[in-house]
């Protein structure tokens, strides 16, 4: 038996396909940035015995951005992340 509820979320379109491809490329680039942040944070912490505050703030915003990308690509939202939308604020 089929569920009588209908899907009312974001609808697929060619525009959405192109944005999804763009955001998947951005996600792969972010993985490289995250690697650099992790190495830099490790070296900084090793030398100063505490993490770099600016990297902590940037990493927090980057994590929010990744959540936005995942939500868009996974059809949880129609709101486009940066560069079409706003860059998220760090928590």
C-alpha atoms as a PDB file:
ATOM      1  CA  UNK A   1       0.000   0.000   0.000  1.00  0.00           C
ATOM      2  CA  UNK A   2       1.280   3.461  -0.868  1.00  0.00           C
ATOM      3  CA  UNK A   3       1.432   6.263   1.639  1.00  0.00           C
ATOM      4  CA  UNK A   4      -1.193   8.916   0.883  1.00  0.00           C
ATOM      5  CA  UNK A   5       1.171  11.762   1.791  1.00  0.00           C
ATOM      6  CA  UNK A   6       2.790  13.578  -1.104  1.00  0.00           C
ATOM      7  CA  UNK A   7       6.275  15.049  -1.222  1.00  0.00           C
ATOM      8  CA  UNK A   8       6.082  18.827  -0.798  1.00  0.00           C
ATOM      9  CA  UNK A   9       9.786  19.665  -0.557  1.00  0.00           C
ATOM     10  CA  UNK A  10      12.158  21.084  -3.162  1.00  0.00           C
ATOM     11  CA  UNK A  11      11.486  19.957  -6.719  1.00  0.00           C
ATOM     12  CA  UNK A  12      14.207  18.720  -9.080  1.00  0.00           C
ATOM     13  CA  UNK A  13      15.113  20.914 -12.046  1.00  0.00           C
ATOM     14  CA  UNK A  14      18.049  21.429 -14.406  1.00  0.00           C
ATOM     15  CA  UNK A  15      19.062  24.482 -12.427  1.00  0.00           C
ATOM     16  CA  UNK A  16      19.142  22.399  -9.250  1.00  0.00           C
ATOM     17  CA  UNK A  17      21.214  19.705 -10.985  1.00  0.00           C
ATOM     18  CA  UNK A  18      23.817  22.301 -12.012  1.00  0.00           C
ATOM     19  CA  UNK A  19      23.924  23.839  -8.526  1.00  0.00           C
ATOM     20  CA  UNK A  20      24.223  20.381  -6.976  1.00  0.00           C
ATOM     21  CA  UNK A  21      27.219  19.596  -9.188  1.00  0.00           C
ATOM     22  CA  UNK A  22      28.783  22.948  -8.226  1.00  0.00           C
ATOM     23  CA  UNK A  23      28.267  22.295  -4.516  1.00  0.00           C
ATOM     24  CA  UNK A  24      29.681  18.779  -4.785  1.00  0.00           C
ATOM     25  CA  UNK A  25      32.865  20.240  -6.320  1.00  0.00           C
ATOM     26  CA  UNK A  26      32.997  22.829  -3.531  1.00  0.00           C
ATOM     27  CA  UNK A  27      32.583  20.042  -0.961  1.00  0.00           C
ATOM     28  CA  UNK A  28      35.629  18.218  -2.358  1.00  0.00           C
ATOM     29  CA  UNK A  29      37.662  21.431  -2.173  1.00  0.00           C
ATOM     30  CA  UNK A  30      36.544  21.957   1.445  1.00  0.00           C
ATOM     31  CA  UNK A  31      37.943  18.530   2.290  1.00  0.00           C
ATOM     32  CA  UNK A  32      41.377  19.768   1.209  1.00  0.00           C
ATOM     33  CA  UNK A  33      40.951  23.007   3.178  1.00  0.00           C
ATOM     34  CA  UNK A  34      39.958  21.009   6.241  1.00  0.00           C
ATOM     35  CA  UNK A  35      43.115  18.920   5.919  1.00  0.00           C
ATOM     36  CA  UNK A  36      45.245  22.090   5.840  1.00  0.00           C
ATOM     37  CA  UNK A  37      43.360  23.501   8.852  1.00  0.00           C
ATOM     38  CA  UNK A  38      43.874  20.280  10.802  1.00  0.00           C
ATOM     39  CA  UNK A  39      47.615  20.231  10.105  1.00  0.00           C
ATOM     40  CA  UNK A  40      48.000  23.943  10.882  1.00  0.00           C
ATOM     41  CA  UNK A  41      45.991  23.604  14.090  1.00  0.00           C
ATOM     42  CA  UNK A  42      48.063  20.599  15.179  1.00  0.00           C
ATOM     43  CA  UNK A  43      51.361  22.419  14.562  1.00  0.00           C
ATOM     44  CA  UNK A  44      50.122  25.591  16.260  1.00  0.00           C
ATOM     45  CA  UNK A  45      48.802  23.639  19.247  1.00  0.00           C
ATOM     46  CA  UNK A  46      52.030  21.685  19.521  1.00  0.00           C
ATOM     47  CA  UNK A  47      54.071  24.899  19.604  1.00  0.00           C
ATOM     48  CA  UNK A  48      51.836  27.056  21.813  1.00  0.00           C
ATOM     49  CA  UNK A  49      49.976  24.381  23.841  1.00  0.00           C
ATOM     50  CA  UNK A  50      46.586  25.816  22.791  1.00  0.00           C
ATOM     51  CA  UNK A  51      44.592  25.935  19.532  1.00  0.00           C
ATOM     52  CA  UNK A  52      44.518  28.978  17.268  1.00  0.00           C
ATOM     53  CA  UNK A  53      41.329  30.933  18.041  1.00  0.00           C
ATOM     54  CA  UNK A  54      40.957  32.329  14.509  1.00  0.00           C
ATOM     55  CA  UNK A  55      41.159  28.848  13.017  1.00  0.00           C
ATOM     56  CA  UNK A  56      38.562  27.628  15.535  1.00  0.00           C
ATOM     57  CA  UNK A  57      36.134  30.362  14.441  1.00  0.00           C
ATOM     58  CA  UNK A  58      36.756  29.733  10.734  1.00  0.00           C
ATOM     59  CA  UNK A  59      36.396  25.983  11.205  1.00  0.00           C
ATOM     60  CA  UNK A  60      33.061  26.494  12.972  1.00  0.00           C
ATOM     61  CA  UNK A  61      31.743  28.564  10.045  1.00  0.00           C
ATOM     62  CA  UNK A  62      33.111  25.973   7.611  1.00  0.00           C
ATOM     63  CA  UNK A  63      31.213  23.228   9.454  1.00  0.00           C
ATOM     64  CA  UNK A  64      27.987  25.270   9.191  1.00  0.00           C
ATOM     65  CA  UNK A  65      28.652  25.749   5.478  1.00  0.00           C
ATOM     66  CA  UNK A  66      29.087  21.999   4.994  1.00  0.00           C
ATOM     67  CA  UNK A  67      25.758  21.427   6.768  1.00  0.00           C
ATOM     68  CA  UNK A  68      24.125  23.886   4.353  1.00  0.00           C
ATOM     69  CA  UNK A  69      25.627  22.097   1.345  1.00  0.00           C
ATOM     70  CA  UNK A  70      24.500  18.697   2.601  1.00  0.00           C
ATOM     71  CA  UNK A  71      20.989  20.023   3.253  1.00  0.00           C
ATOM     72  CA  UNK A  72      20.774  21.508  -0.265  1.00  0.00           C
ATOM     73  CA  UNK A  73      22.252  18.530  -2.108  1.00  0.00           C
ATOM     74  CA  UNK A  74      20.091  16.123  -0.092  1.00  0.00           C
ATOM     75  CA  UNK A  75      16.892  18.070  -0.949  1.00  0.00           C
ATOM     76  CA  UNK A  76      16.278  19.081   2.675  1.00  0.00           C
ATOM     77  CA  UNK A  77      16.144  22.728   1.636  1.00  0.00           C
ATOM     78  CA  UNK A  78      15.834  24.923  -1.423  1.00  0.00           C
ATOM     79  CA  UNK A  79      18.048  27.614   0.121  1.00  0.00           C
ATOM     80  CA  UNK A  80      21.322  27.797  -1.766  1.00  0.00           C
ATOM     81  CA  UNK A  81      24.532  28.038   0.279  1.00  0.00           C
ATOM     82  CA  UNK A  82      27.357  30.484  -0.476  1.00  0.00           C
ATOM     83  CA  UNK A  83      28.304  31.682  -3.168  1.00  0.00           C
ATOM     84  CA  UNK A  84      24.613  32.087  -4.076  1.00  0.00           C
ATOM     85  CA  UNK A  85      23.581  32.628  -0.458  1.00  0.00           C
ATOM     86  CA  UNK A  86      25.262  34.140   2.587  1.00  0.00           C
ATOM     87  CA  UNK A  87      28.343  32.724   4.279  1.00  0.00           C
ATOM     88  CA  UNK A  88      27.287  31.198   7.619  1.00  0.00           C
ATOM     89  CA  UNK A  89      28.271  32.724  10.942  1.00  0.00           C
ATOM     90  CA  UNK A  90      30.372  30.715  13.366  1.00  0.00           C
ATOM     91  CA  UNK A  91      28.561  29.346  16.370  1.00  0.00           C
END
